[in-house]
């Protein structure tokens, strides 16, 4: 599945192999075991042996095109297409989840800052747009719950978990630890139930993988608190394996699993080369996504490949972004990242 990261200077504008989608969380604090660089919850590994043949989620035919828009950073187009999906399939949670996903990447962009040698969304206050985002998550949760009540399925348990995870990640971005934990635990329960109903549901491995990985990154004091609060433990190694399984066999989550595994290996484990092989296919398949270009540039910089990093940062800065706040933030991140490279300025032409 993975492609090798190229060593050419035009590596930030090449094309590569496919991926797919969705979103989630990272640890915020000892009390709330998910933080939000764009991340969302969730859950204990209960099924450690993956299926030989993972089942693909049945998707409405419009969904692949919406995912392409999201990861190509056409967030306005993705929102409009998701709204159309809601009208065509009013009882299906996915249209609402996809619209919330498009909003999420906008939030992630606006909250991102360059720190510790990487661009990441760490924390921001409440903003008015949050209300619509939470309404979308609530609607998706209600629709999934109604179908579960009528006839339980792994698919709808998965979507119910995704809806709660969507709420959890925004609470985490806002630093609301109690709400983050509450929705994270609810999401975990849905995902575990989905795996009981269908152990071959590879998209659920995305959540299992994140939960295992993040819980294992907690500090010693946080792990003590986690024990007394009854929060299940996890392991990074198993988390990585499950995220890789989601990348290989998932329907909705391969792209987001690839993104967050790359970010986590960068942030927590300093496995820069491995992270680069994960982010490169995204940056190459979606060259119009400035966040993927920045993430790739950060990894090139950590590996000492400063000219490659510079190429990526310049590519990100040159991309048109419709949202003015996000555009300004991308420009700022690119300038800061380039300055951190410490390269000598080329002499001005006489």
C-alpha atoms as a PDB file:
ATOM      1  CA  UNK A   1       0.000   0.000   0.000  1.00  0.00           C
ATOM      2  CA  UNK A   2       2.687   2.502   0.867  1.00  0.00           C
ATOM      3  CA  UNK A   3       4.785   4.385  -1.646  1.00  0.00           C
ATOM      4  CA  UNK A   4       8.338   5.415  -1.082  1.00  0.00           C
ATOM      5  CA  UNK A   5       8.892   9.116  -0.560  1.00  0.00           C
ATOM      6  CA  UNK A   6      10.754  10.608  -3.480  1.00  0.00           C
ATOM      7  CA  UNK A   7      14.038  12.442  -3.162  1.00  0.00           C
ATOM      8  CA  UNK A   8      13.488  14.788  -6.098  1.00  0.00           C
ATOM      9  CA  UNK A   9      12.910  18.484  -5.592  1.00  0.00           C
ATOM     10  CA  UNK A  10       9.566  18.314  -7.349  1.00  0.00           C
ATOM     11  CA  UNK A  11       8.321  15.682  -4.901  1.00  0.00           C
ATOM     12  CA  UNK A  12       5.688  18.061  -3.506  1.00  0.00           C
ATOM     13  CA  UNK A  13       3.802  18.289  -6.765  1.00  0.00           C
ATOM     14  CA  UNK A  14       3.793  14.653  -7.946  1.00  0.00           C
ATOM     15  CA  UNK A  15       0.804  12.300  -7.975  1.00  0.00           C
ATOM     16  CA  UNK A  16       0.489   8.940  -6.200  1.00  0.00           C
ATOM     17  CA  UNK A  17      -1.882   6.163  -5.165  1.00  0.00           C
ATOM     18  CA  UNK A  18      -5.395   6.399  -3.683  1.00  0.00           C
ATOM     19  CA  UNK A  19      -6.639   6.822  -0.139  1.00  0.00           C
ATOM     20  CA  UNK A  20      -9.970   7.620   1.474  1.00  0.00           C
ATOM     21  CA  UNK A  21     -11.227   9.432   4.546  1.00  0.00           C
ATOM     22  CA  UNK A  22     -12.491  10.649   7.863  1.00  0.00           C
ATOM     23  CA  UNK A  23     -11.395  12.302  11.037  1.00  0.00           C
ATOM     24  CA  UNK A  24     -10.501  12.199  14.766  1.00  0.00           C
ATOM     25  CA  UNK A  25      -8.434  12.959  17.903  1.00  0.00           C
ATOM     26  CA  UNK A  26      -5.409  13.013  20.107  1.00  0.00           C
ATOM     27  CA  UNK A  27      -4.781  13.174  23.826  1.00  0.00           C
ATOM     28  CA  UNK A  28      -5.451  16.542  25.405  1.00  0.00           C
ATOM     29  CA  UNK A  29      -4.625  16.079  29.084  1.00  0.00           C
ATOM     30  CA  UNK A  30      -4.508  13.505  31.865  1.00  0.00           C
ATOM     31  CA  UNK A  31      -8.254  13.822  32.361  1.00  0.00           C
ATOM     32  CA  UNK A  32      -9.274  13.684  28.711  1.00  0.00           C
ATOM     33  CA  UNK A  33      -7.416  11.060  26.798  1.00  0.00           C
ATOM     34  CA  UNK A  34      -7.910  12.619  23.409  1.00  0.00           C
ATOM     35  CA  UNK A  35      -6.296  15.752  22.062  1.00  0.00           C
ATOM     36  CA  UNK A  36      -7.213  17.467  18.868  1.00  0.00           C
ATOM     37  CA  UNK A  37      -4.796  18.167  16.140  1.00  0.00           C
ATOM     38  CA  UNK A  38      -7.360  17.066  14.163  1.00  0.00           C
ATOM     39  CA  UNK A  39      -8.328  13.953  15.803  1.00  0.00           C
ATOM     40  CA  UNK A  40     -11.055  12.097  17.324  1.00  0.00           C
ATOM     41  CA  UNK A  41     -11.487   9.275  19.728  1.00  0.00           C
ATOM     42  CA  UNK A  42     -11.254   6.045  20.452  1.00  0.00           C
ATOM     43  CA  UNK A  43     -11.345   2.679  21.814  1.00  0.00           C
ATOM     44  CA  UNK A  44      -9.896  -0.394  23.393  1.00  0.00           C
ATOM     45  CA  UNK A  45      -8.605  -3.207  21.241  1.00  0.00           C
ATOM     46  CA  UNK A  46     -10.906  -6.113  21.841  1.00  0.00           C
ATOM     47  CA  UNK A  47     -10.281  -7.933  18.604  1.00  0.00           C
ATOM     48  CA  UNK A  48      -6.553  -8.111  18.064  1.00  0.00           C
ATOM     49  CA  UNK A  49      -6.603 -10.583  15.171  1.00  0.00           C
ATOM     50  CA  UNK A  50      -7.663  -8.875  11.939  1.00  0.00           C
ATOM     51  CA  UNK A  51      -9.893 -10.629   9.399  1.00  0.00           C
ATOM     52  CA  UNK A  52      -8.410 -12.171   6.295  1.00  0.00           C
ATOM     53  CA  UNK A  53     -10.932 -10.300   4.112  1.00  0.00           C
ATOM     54  CA  UNK A  54     -12.215  -7.005   5.465  1.00  0.00           C
ATOM     55  CA  UNK A  55     -15.770  -6.040   4.553  1.00  0.00           C
ATOM     56  CA  UNK A  56     -16.261  -2.764   2.722  1.00  0.00           C
ATOM     57  CA  UNK A  57     -18.878  -0.358   4.014  1.00  0.00           C
ATOM     58  CA  UNK A  58     -21.756   0.083   1.548  1.00  0.00           C
ATOM     59  CA  UNK A  59     -21.608   3.720   0.459  1.00  0.00           C
ATOM     60  CA  UNK A  60     -23.954   5.934  -1.544  1.00  0.00           C
ATOM     61  CA  UNK A  61     -22.448   6.481  -5.022  1.00  0.00           C
ATOM     62  CA  UNK A  62     -21.835  10.195  -4.359  1.00  0.00           C
ATOM     63  CA  UNK A  63     -19.452   9.578  -1.464  1.00  0.00           C
ATOM     64  CA  UNK A  64     -16.126   8.962  -3.293  1.00  0.00           C
ATOM     65  CA  UNK A  65     -16.422  12.318  -5.085  1.00  0.00           C
ATOM     66  CA  UNK A  66     -17.100  14.095  -1.782  1.00  0.00           C
ATOM     67  CA  UNK A  67     -14.053  12.470  -0.229  1.00  0.00           C
ATOM     68  CA  UNK A  68     -11.963  13.642  -3.176  1.00  0.00           C
ATOM     69  CA  UNK A  69     -13.146  17.202  -2.596  1.00  0.00           C
ATOM     70  CA  UNK A  70     -12.360  17.047   1.116  1.00  0.00           C
ATOM     71  CA  UNK A  71      -8.828  15.777   0.659  1.00  0.00           C
ATOM     72  CA  UNK A  72      -8.196  18.045  -2.319  1.00  0.00           C
ATOM     73  CA  UNK A  73      -9.083  20.889   0.081  1.00  0.00           C
ATOM     74  CA  UNK A  74     -12.121  21.969  -1.911  1.00  0.00           C
ATOM     75  CA  UNK A  75     -13.962  22.335   1.372  1.00  0.00           C
ATOM     76  CA  UNK A  76     -16.733  24.580   0.012  1.00  0.00           C
ATOM     77  CA  UNK A  77     -17.423  22.098  -2.764  1.00  0.00           C
ATOM     78  CA  UNK A  78     -17.360  19.230  -0.276  1.00  0.00           C
ATOM     79  CA  UNK A  79     -19.889  20.955   1.989  1.00  0.00           C
ATOM     80  CA  UNK A  80     -22.257  21.622  -0.896  1.00  0.00           C
ATOM     81  CA  UNK A  81     -21.976  18.048  -2.123  1.00  0.00           C
ATOM     82  CA  UNK A  82     -22.556  16.729   1.407  1.00  0.00           C
ATOM     83  CA  UNK A  83     -25.686  18.857   1.719  1.00  0.00           C
ATOM     84  CA  UNK A  84     -26.931  17.404  -1.561  1.00  0.00           C
ATOM     85  CA  UNK A  85     -26.248  13.920  -0.181  1.00  0.00           C
ATOM     86  CA  UNK A  86     -28.346  14.788   2.873  1.00  0.00           C
ATOM     87  CA  UNK A  87     -31.273  15.668   0.596  1.00  0.00           C
ATOM     88  CA  UNK A  88     -30.870  12.515  -1.479  1.00  0.00           C
ATOM     89  CA  UNK A  89     -30.480  10.267   1.599  1.00  0.00           C
ATOM     90  CA  UNK A  90     -32.150  12.147   4.472  1.00  0.00           C
ATOM     91  CA  UNK A  91     -32.159   9.116   6.798  1.00  0.00           C
ATOM     92  CA  UNK A  92     -28.482   8.268   6.336  1.00  0.00           C
ATOM     93  CA  UNK A  93     -25.939   9.704   8.808  1.00  0.00           C
ATOM     94  CA  UNK A  94     -23.081   9.902   6.320  1.00  0.00           C
ATOM     95  CA  UNK A  95     -24.081  13.137   4.598  1.00  0.00           C
ATOM     96  CA  UNK A  96     -24.002  14.945   7.919  1.00  0.00           C
ATOM     97  CA  UNK A  97     -20.715  13.335   8.930  1.00  0.00           C
ATOM     98  CA  UNK A  98     -19.101  14.354   5.651  1.00  0.00           C
ATOM     99  CA  UNK A  99     -20.244  17.946   6.020  1.00  0.00           C
ATOM    100  CA  UNK A 100     -18.854  18.023   9.560  1.00  0.00           C
ATOM    101  CA  UNK A 101     -15.607  16.585   8.205  1.00  0.00           C
ATOM    102  CA  UNK A 102     -15.279  19.406   5.680  1.00  0.00           C
ATOM    103  CA  UNK A 103     -15.845  21.881   8.508  1.00  0.00           C
ATOM    104  CA  UNK A 104     -13.311  20.086  10.678  1.00  0.00           C
ATOM    105  CA  UNK A 105     -10.451  20.569   8.241  1.00  0.00           C
ATOM    106  CA  UNK A 106     -11.331  24.252   8.068  1.00  0.00           C
ATOM    107  CA  UNK A 107     -11.153  24.395  11.879  1.00  0.00           C
ATOM    108  CA  UNK A 108      -7.887  22.464  11.859  1.00  0.00           C
ATOM    109  CA  UNK A 109      -6.357  24.899   9.380  1.00  0.00           C
ATOM    110  CA  UNK A 110      -7.411  27.995  11.324  1.00  0.00           C
ATOM    111  CA  UNK A 111      -6.092  26.572  14.609  1.00  0.00           C
ATOM    112  CA  UNK A 112      -2.758  25.274  13.298  1.00  0.00           C
ATOM    113  CA  UNK A 113       0.525  26.690  14.578  1.00  0.00           C
ATOM    114  CA  UNK A 114       4.161  25.903  13.882  1.00  0.00           C
ATOM    115  CA  UNK A 115       5.759  24.611  17.071  1.00  0.00           C
ATOM    116  CA  UNK A 116       8.396  21.977  17.862  1.00  0.00           C
ATOM    117  CA  UNK A 117       9.280  21.875  14.188  1.00  0.00           C
ATOM    118  CA  UNK A 118       5.822  20.928  12.899  1.00  0.00           C
ATOM    119  CA  UNK A 119       2.526  22.524  11.959  1.00  0.00           C
ATOM    120  CA  UNK A 120      -0.265  21.140  14.108  1.00  0.00           C
ATOM    121  CA  UNK A 121      -3.689  22.194  15.438  1.00  0.00           C
ATOM    122  CA  UNK A 122      -3.368  22.288  19.200  1.00  0.00           C
ATOM    123  CA  UNK A 123      -5.950  24.521  20.843  1.00  0.00           C
ATOM    124  CA  UNK A 124      -8.453  27.262  20.073  1.00  0.00           C
ATOM    125  CA  UNK A 125     -11.404  28.953  21.811  1.00  0.00           C
ATOM    126  CA  UNK A 126     -15.078  28.586  20.928  1.00  0.00           C
ATOM    127  CA  UNK A 127     -16.241  30.195  17.682  1.00  0.00           C
ATOM    128  CA  UNK A 128     -19.802  30.673  16.312  1.00  0.00           C
ATOM    129  CA  UNK A 129     -19.274  28.053  13.575  1.00  0.00           C
ATOM    130  CA  UNK A 130     -18.972  25.379  16.280  1.00  0.00           C
ATOM    131  CA  UNK A 131     -22.735  25.335  16.782  1.00  0.00           C
ATOM    132  CA  UNK A 132     -23.484  24.119  13.261  1.00  0.00           C
ATOM    133  CA  UNK A 133     -20.742  21.529  13.533  1.00  0.00           C
ATOM    134  CA  UNK A 134     -22.245  20.111  16.728  1.00  0.00           C
ATOM    135  CA  UNK A 135     -25.706  20.140  15.137  1.00  0.00           C
ATOM    136  CA  UNK A 136     -24.397  18.009  12.283  1.00  0.00           C
ATOM    137  CA  UNK A 137     -22.830  15.539  14.701  1.00  0.00           C
ATOM    138  CA  UNK A 138     -26.032  15.361  16.762  1.00  0.00           C
ATOM    139  CA  UNK A 139     -28.149  14.767  13.669  1.00  0.00           C
ATOM    140  CA  UNK A 140     -25.851  11.982  12.490  1.00  0.00           C
ATOM    141  CA  UNK A 141     -25.962  10.400  15.944  1.00  0.00           C
ATOM    142  CA  UNK A 142     -29.777  10.563  16.073  1.00  0.00           C
ATOM    143  CA  UNK A 143     -30.181   9.050  12.606  1.00  0.00           C
ATOM    144  CA  UNK A 144     -27.818   6.194  13.419  1.00  0.00           C
ATOM    145  CA  UNK A 145     -29.557   5.565  16.741  1.00  0.00           C
ATOM    146  CA  UNK A 146     -32.973   5.438  15.046  1.00  0.00           C
ATOM    147  CA  UNK A 147     -31.772   2.802  12.595  1.00  0.00           C
ATOM    148  CA  UNK A 148     -30.074   0.832  15.352  1.00  0.00           C
ATOM    149  CA  UNK A 149     -33.363   0.792  17.245  1.00  0.00           C
ATOM    150  CA  UNK A 150     -35.182  -0.457  14.166  1.00  0.00           C
ATOM    151  CA  UNK A 151     -32.540  -3.034  13.175  1.00  0.00           C
ATOM    152  CA  UNK A 152     -29.078  -3.075  14.697  1.00  0.00           C
ATOM    153  CA  UNK A 153     -26.134  -3.274  12.310  1.00  0.00           C
ATOM    154  CA  UNK A 154     -22.374  -2.873  12.514  1.00  0.00           C
ATOM    155  CA  UNK A 155     -22.602  -0.111   9.920  1.00  0.00           C
ATOM    156  CA  UNK A 156     -24.914   2.065  12.010  1.00  0.00           C
ATOM    157  CA  UNK A 157     -22.985   1.384  15.208  1.00  0.00           C
ATOM    158  CA  UNK A 158     -19.909   2.580  13.346  1.00  0.00           C
ATOM    159  CA  UNK A 159     -21.644   5.777  12.214  1.00  0.00           C
ATOM    160  CA  UNK A 160     -22.955   6.393  15.725  1.00  0.00           C
ATOM    161  CA  UNK A 161     -19.385   6.128  16.954  1.00  0.00           C
ATOM    162  CA  UNK A 162     -18.175   8.489  14.255  1.00  0.00           C
ATOM    163  CA  UNK A 163     -20.784  11.050  15.262  1.00  0.00           C
ATOM    164  CA  UNK A 164     -19.718  10.987  18.909  1.00  0.00           C
ATOM    165  CA  UNK A 165     -16.078  11.064  17.851  1.00  0.00           C
ATOM    166  CA  UNK A 166     -16.773  14.158  15.758  1.00  0.00           C
ATOM    167  CA  UNK A 167     -18.079  15.935  18.855  1.00  0.00           C
ATOM    168  CA  UNK A 168     -15.183  14.682  20.966  1.00  0.00           C
ATOM    169  CA  UNK A 169     -12.502  16.032  18.650  1.00  0.00           C
ATOM    170  CA  UNK A 170     -13.919  19.543  18.605  1.00  0.00           C
ATOM    171  CA  UNK A 171     -14.293  19.555  22.390  1.00  0.00           C
ATOM    172  CA  UNK A 172     -10.663  18.474  22.551  1.00  0.00           C
ATOM    173  CA  UNK A 173      -9.578  21.292  20.248  1.00  0.00           C
ATOM    174  CA  UNK A 174     -11.373  23.696  22.580  1.00  0.00           C
ATOM    175  CA  UNK A 175      -9.703  22.184  25.638  1.00  0.00           C
ATOM    176  CA  UNK A 176     -12.985  20.930  27.167  1.00  0.00           C
ATOM    177  CA  UNK A 177     -11.592  17.783  28.716  1.00  0.00           C
ATOM    178  CA  UNK A 178     -14.706  16.508  30.466  1.00  0.00           C
ATOM    179  CA  UNK A 179     -16.842  16.688  27.313  1.00  0.00           C
ATOM    180  CA  UNK A 180     -14.022  15.180  25.287  1.00  0.00           C
ATOM    181  CA  UNK A 181     -13.844  12.178  27.612  1.00  0.00           C
ATOM    182  CA  UNK A 182     -17.636  11.783  27.772  1.00  0.00           C
ATOM    183  CA  UNK A 183     -18.115  11.686  24.013  1.00  0.00           C
ATOM    184  CA  UNK A 184     -14.939   9.663  23.550  1.00  0.00           C
ATOM    185  CA  UNK A 185     -16.214   6.920  25.852  1.00  0.00           C
ATOM    186  CA  UNK A 186     -19.594   6.907  24.092  1.00  0.00           C
ATOM    187  CA  UNK A 187     -17.892   6.583  20.718  1.00  0.00           C
ATOM    188  CA  UNK A 188     -15.721   3.756  22.015  1.00  0.00           C
ATOM    189  CA  UNK A 189     -18.801   1.805  23.054  1.00  0.00           C
ATOM    190  CA  UNK A 190     -20.325   2.114  19.584  1.00  0.00           C
ATOM    191  CA  UNK A 191     -17.126   1.051  17.861  1.00  0.00           C
ATOM    192  CA  UNK A 192     -16.698  -1.955  20.106  1.00  0.00           C
ATOM    193  CA  UNK A 193     -20.279  -2.983  19.401  1.00  0.00           C
ATOM    194  CA  UNK A 194     -19.669  -2.595  15.662  1.00  0.00           C
ATOM    195  CA  UNK A 195     -16.729  -4.983  15.937  1.00  0.00           C
ATOM    196  CA  UNK A 196     -18.848  -7.495  17.845  1.00  0.00           C
ATOM    197  CA  UNK A 197     -21.422  -7.421  15.049  1.00  0.00           C
ATOM    198  CA  UNK A 198     -18.828  -7.514  12.284  1.00  0.00           C
ATOM    199  CA  UNK A 199     -15.194  -8.278  13.211  1.00  0.00           C
ATOM    200  CA  UNK A 200     -14.197  -7.649   9.566  1.00  0.00           C
ATOM    201  CA  UNK A 201     -15.178  -3.959   9.655  1.00  0.00           C
ATOM    202  CA  UNK A 202     -11.741  -2.488   8.937  1.00  0.00           C
ATOM    203  CA  UNK A 203     -12.811   1.144   9.345  1.00  0.00           C
ATOM    204  CA  UNK A 204     -13.389   0.476  13.032  1.00  0.00           C
ATOM    205  CA  UNK A 205      -9.695  -0.412  13.311  1.00  0.00           C
ATOM    206  CA  UNK A 206      -8.968   3.273  12.762  1.00  0.00           C
ATOM    207  CA  UNK A 207     -10.606   4.116  16.077  1.00  0.00           C
ATOM    208  CA  UNK A 208      -9.122   1.105  17.819  1.00  0.00           C
ATOM    209  CA  UNK A 209      -5.711   2.092  16.562  1.00  0.00           C
ATOM    210  CA  UNK A 210      -5.978   5.705  17.705  1.00  0.00           C
ATOM    211  CA  UNK A 211      -7.195   4.695  21.128  1.00  0.00           C
ATOM    212  CA  UNK A 212      -4.390   2.209  21.664  1.00  0.00           C
ATOM    213  CA  UNK A 213      -1.759   4.619  20.419  1.00  0.00           C
ATOM    214  CA  UNK A 214      -2.863   7.688  22.373  1.00  0.00           C
ATOM    215  CA  UNK A 215      -3.522   5.969  25.669  1.00  0.00           C
ATOM    216  CA  UNK A 216       0.007   4.592  25.551  1.00  0.00           C
ATOM    217  CA  UNK A 217       1.398   8.128  25.154  1.00  0.00           C
ATOM    218  CA  UNK A 218      -0.045   9.309  28.473  1.00  0.00           C
ATOM    219  CA  UNK A 219       2.336  10.398  31.197  1.00  0.00           C
ATOM    220  CA  UNK A 220       2.858   8.180  34.249  1.00  0.00           C
ATOM    221  CA  UNK A 221       0.560  10.377  36.360  1.00  0.00           C
ATOM    222  CA  UNK A 222      -2.109  10.364  33.664  1.00  0.00           C
ATOM    223  CA  UNK A 223      -1.934   6.571  33.484  1.00  0.00           C
ATOM    224  CA  UNK A 224      -2.528   6.375  37.223  1.00  0.00           C
ATOM    225  CA  UNK A 225      -5.574   8.618  36.852  1.00  0.00           C
ATOM    226  CA  UNK A 226      -6.744   6.549  33.888  1.00  0.00           C
ATOM    227  CA  UNK A 227      -6.518   3.400  36.015  1.00  0.00           C
ATOM    228  CA  UNK A 228      -8.639   4.848  38.816  1.00  0.00           C
ATOM    229  CA  UNK A 229     -11.163   6.235  36.331  1.00  0.00           C
ATOM    230  CA  UNK A 230     -11.561   2.800  34.744  1.00  0.00           C
ATOM    231  CA  UNK A 231     -10.338   3.888  31.301  1.00  0.00           C
ATOM    232  CA  UNK A 232      -8.940   0.891  29.370  1.00  0.00           C
ATOM    233  CA  UNK A 233      -5.245   0.824  28.492  1.00  0.00           C
ATOM    234  CA  UNK A 234      -3.599   0.394  25.131  1.00  0.00           C
ATOM    235  CA  UNK A 235      -0.290  -0.050  23.347  1.00  0.00           C
ATOM    236  CA  UNK A 236       1.398   1.998  20.644  1.00  0.00           C
ATOM    237  CA  UNK A 237       2.553  -1.092  18.808  1.00  0.00           C
ATOM    238  CA  UNK A 238      -0.964  -2.457  18.517  1.00  0.00           C
ATOM    239  CA  UNK A 239      -2.262   0.998  17.670  1.00  0.00           C
ATOM    240  CA  UNK A 240       0.153   1.295  14.753  1.00  0.00           C
ATOM    241  CA  UNK A 241      -0.800  -2.161  13.487  1.00  0.00           C
ATOM    242  CA  UNK A 242      -4.498  -1.339  13.564  1.00  0.00           C
ATOM    243  CA  UNK A 243      -4.038   2.022  11.871  1.00  0.00           C
ATOM    244  CA  UNK A 244      -2.048   0.293   9.139  1.00  0.00           C
ATOM    245  CA  UNK A 245      -4.891  -2.192   8.787  1.00  0.00           C
ATOM    246  CA  UNK A 246      -7.382   0.680   8.393  1.00  0.00           C
ATOM    247  CA  UNK A 247      -5.122   2.218   5.734  1.00  0.00           C
ATOM    248  CA  UNK A 248      -4.960  -1.089   3.854  1.00  0.00           C
ATOM    249  CA  UNK A 249      -8.559  -2.262   4.124  1.00  0.00           C
ATOM    250  CA  UNK A 250     -10.803   0.611   5.231  1.00  0.00           C
ATOM    251  CA  UNK A 251     -13.454   2.251   3.069  1.00  0.00           C
ATOM    252  CA  UNK A 252     -13.879   5.677   4.694  1.00  0.00           C
ATOM    253  CA  UNK A 253     -10.810   5.976   6.877  1.00  0.00           C
ATOM    254  CA  UNK A 254      -7.607   5.127   4.928  1.00  0.00           C
ATOM    255  CA  UNK A 255      -6.638   8.748   4.202  1.00  0.00           C
ATOM    256  CA  UNK A 256      -7.304  10.059   7.693  1.00  0.00           C
ATOM    257  CA  UNK A 257      -5.621   7.011   9.223  1.00  0.00           C
ATOM    258  CA  UNK A 258      -2.581   7.663   7.050  1.00  0.00           C
ATOM    259  CA  UNK A 259      -2.511  11.349   8.031  1.00  0.00           C
ATOM    260  CA  UNK A 260      -2.776  10.820  11.762  1.00  0.00           C
ATOM    261  CA  UNK A 261      -0.389   7.869  11.866  1.00  0.00           C
ATOM    262  CA  UNK A 262       2.174  10.042  10.089  1.00  0.00           C
ATOM    263  CA  UNK A 263       1.538  12.946  12.475  1.00  0.00           C
ATOM    264  CA  UNK A 264       1.776  10.698  15.536  1.00  0.00           C
ATOM    265  CA  UNK A 265       4.969   8.960  14.459  1.00  0.00           C
ATOM    266  CA  UNK A 266       6.419  12.432  13.898  1.00  0.00           C
ATOM    267  CA  UNK A 267       5.158  13.968  17.122  1.00  0.00           C
ATOM    268  CA  UNK A 268       5.557  11.146  19.640  1.00  0.00           C
ATOM    269  CA  UNK A 269       8.057   8.650  18.248  1.00  0.00           C
ATOM    270  CA  UNK A 270      10.372  10.734  16.045  1.00  0.00           C
ATOM    271  CA  UNK A 271      10.091   8.063  13.332  1.00  0.00           C
ATOM    272  CA  UNK A 272      10.518  10.654  10.619  1.00  0.00           C
ATOM    273  CA  UNK A 273      11.367   8.387   7.692  1.00  0.00           C
ATOM    274  CA  UNK A 274       8.418   6.095   8.334  1.00  0.00           C
ATOM    275  CA  UNK A 275       6.111   9.074   8.774  1.00  0.00           C
ATOM    276  CA  UNK A 276       7.351  10.491   5.485  1.00  0.00           C
ATOM    277  CA  UNK A 277       6.451   7.293   3.626  1.00  0.00           C
ATOM    278  CA  UNK A 278       2.931   7.644   5.050  1.00  0.00           C
ATOM    279  CA  UNK A 279       2.306  11.314   4.308  1.00  0.00           C
ATOM    280  CA  UNK A 280       3.931  11.328   0.855  1.00  0.00           C
ATOM    281  CA  UNK A 281       1.123   9.439  -0.957  1.00  0.00           C
ATOM    282  CA  UNK A 282      -1.382  11.978   0.398  1.00  0.00           C
ATOM    283  CA  UNK A 283       0.724  14.977  -0.594  1.00  0.00           C
ATOM    284  CA  UNK A 284       1.234  13.485  -4.050  1.00  0.00           C
ATOM    285  CA  UNK A 285      -2.358  12.394  -4.662  1.00  0.00           C
ATOM    286  CA  UNK A 286      -3.756  15.673  -3.330  1.00  0.00           C
ATOM    287  CA  UNK A 287      -1.183  18.344  -4.246  1.00  0.00           C
ATOM    288  CA  UNK A 288      -3.827  21.054  -3.751  1.00  0.00           C
ATOM    289  CA  UNK A 289      -4.056  20.300  -0.014  1.00  0.00           C
ATOM    290  CA  UNK A 290      -1.718  22.740   1.790  1.00  0.00           C
ATOM    291  CA  UNK A 291      -1.887  20.839   5.092  1.00  0.00           C
ATOM    292  CA  UNK A 292      -0.440  17.711   3.497  1.00  0.00           C
ATOM    293  CA  UNK A 293       2.307  19.781   1.867  1.00  0.00           C
ATOM    294  CA  UNK A 294       3.212  21.407   5.194  1.00  0.00           C
ATOM    295  CA  UNK A 295       3.254  18.053   7.000  1.00  0.00           C
ATOM    296  CA  UNK A 296       5.532  16.573   4.367  1.00  0.00           C
ATOM    297  CA  UNK A 297       7.803  19.597   4.472  1.00  0.00           C
ATOM    298  CA  UNK A 298       8.117  19.297   8.254  1.00  0.00           C
ATOM    299  CA  UNK A 299       9.314  15.720   7.901  1.00  0.00           C
ATOM    300  CA  UNK A 300      11.808  16.580   5.191  1.00  0.00           C
ATOM    301  CA  UNK A 301      13.132  19.303   7.520  1.00  0.00           C
ATOM    302  CA  UNK A 302      13.510  16.880  10.442  1.00  0.00           C
ATOM    303  CA  UNK A 303      15.451  14.544   8.161  1.00  0.00           C
ATOM    304  CA  UNK A 304      17.798  17.367   7.141  1.00  0.00           C
ATOM    305  CA  UNK A 305      16.504  17.506   3.562  1.00  0.00           C
ATOM    306  CA  UNK A 306      16.032  21.240   3.690  1.00  0.00           C
ATOM    307  CA  UNK A 307      15.693  21.892  -0.022  1.00  0.00           C
ATOM    308  CA  UNK A 308      12.908  19.319  -0.248  1.00  0.00           C
ATOM    309  CA  UNK A 309      11.249  20.928   2.770  1.00  0.00           C
ATOM    310  CA  UNK A 310      11.542  24.356   1.187  1.00  0.00           C
ATOM    311  CA  UNK A 311       9.900  23.052  -1.979  1.00  0.00           C
ATOM    312  CA  UNK A 312       6.941  21.742   0.040  1.00  0.00           C
ATOM    313  CA  UNK A 313       6.545  24.915   2.087  1.00  0.00           C
ATOM    314  CA  UNK A 314       6.593  27.043  -1.047  1.00  0.00           C
ATOM    315  CA  UNK A 315       4.065  24.731  -2.688  1.00  0.00           C
ATOM    316  CA  UNK A 316       1.730  25.139   0.306  1.00  0.00           C
ATOM    317  CA  UNK A 317       2.089  28.929   0.280  1.00  0.00           C
ATOM    318  CA  UNK A 318       1.323  29.117  -3.448  1.00  0.00           C
ATOM    319  CA  UNK A 319      -1.935  27.157  -3.245  1.00  0.00           C
ATOM    320  CA  UNK A 320      -5.235  29.055  -3.559  1.00  0.00           C
ATOM    321  CA  UNK A 321      -7.422  28.606  -0.469  1.00  0.00           C
ATOM    322  CA  UNK A 322     -10.939  30.038  -0.562  1.00  0.00           C
ATOM    323  CA  UNK A 323     -11.355  30.583   3.154  1.00  0.00           C
ATOM    324  CA  UNK A 324      -9.576  33.867   4.022  1.00  0.00           C
ATOM    325  CA  UNK A 325      -8.728  32.854   7.592  1.00  0.00           C
ATOM    326  CA  UNK A 326      -7.290  29.534   6.474  1.00  0.00           C
ATOM    327  CA  UNK A 327      -5.405  31.191   3.614  1.00  0.00           C
ATOM    328  CA  UNK A 328      -3.797  33.663   6.009  1.00  0.00           C
ATOM    329  CA  UNK A 329      -2.860  30.873   8.404  1.00  0.00           C
ATOM    330  CA  UNK A 330      -1.279  28.765   5.647  1.00  0.00           C
ATOM    331  CA  UNK A 331       0.778  31.761   4.538  1.00  0.00           C
ATOM    332  CA  UNK A 332       1.924  32.358   8.113  1.00  0.00           C
ATOM    333  CA  UNK A 333       2.784  28.696   8.671  1.00  0.00           C
ATOM    334  CA  UNK A 334       4.767  28.558   5.436  1.00  0.00           C
ATOM    335  CA  UNK A 335       6.747  31.701   6.302  1.00  0.00           C
ATOM    336  CA  UNK A 336       7.526  30.449   9.804  1.00  0.00           C
ATOM    337  CA  UNK A 337       8.481  27.003   8.542  1.00  0.00           C
ATOM    338  CA  UNK A 338      10.788  28.430   5.891  1.00  0.00           C
ATOM    339  CA  UNK A 339      12.452  30.725   8.426  1.00  0.00           C
ATOM    340  CA  UNK A 340      13.041  27.751  10.735  1.00  0.00           C
ATOM    341  CA  UNK A 341      15.065  26.046   8.002  1.00  0.00           C
ATOM    342  CA  UNK A 342      17.769  28.651   8.484  1.00  0.00           C
ATOM    343  CA  UNK A 343      18.702  28.692   4.806  1.00  0.00           C
ATOM    344  CA  UNK A 344      20.682  31.612   3.442  1.00  0.00           C
ATOM    345  CA  UNK A 345      18.662  33.981   1.326  1.00  0.00           C
ATOM    346  CA  UNK A 346      19.526  33.985  -2.335  1.00  0.00           C
ATOM    347  CA  UNK A 347      21.200  37.275  -3.330  1.00  0.00           C
ATOM    348  CA  UNK A 348      18.906  39.690  -5.110  1.00  0.00           C
ATOM    349  CA  UNK A 349      19.484  40.031  -8.854  1.00  0.00           C
ATOM    350  CA  UNK A 350      21.420  43.197  -9.732  1.00  0.00           C
END
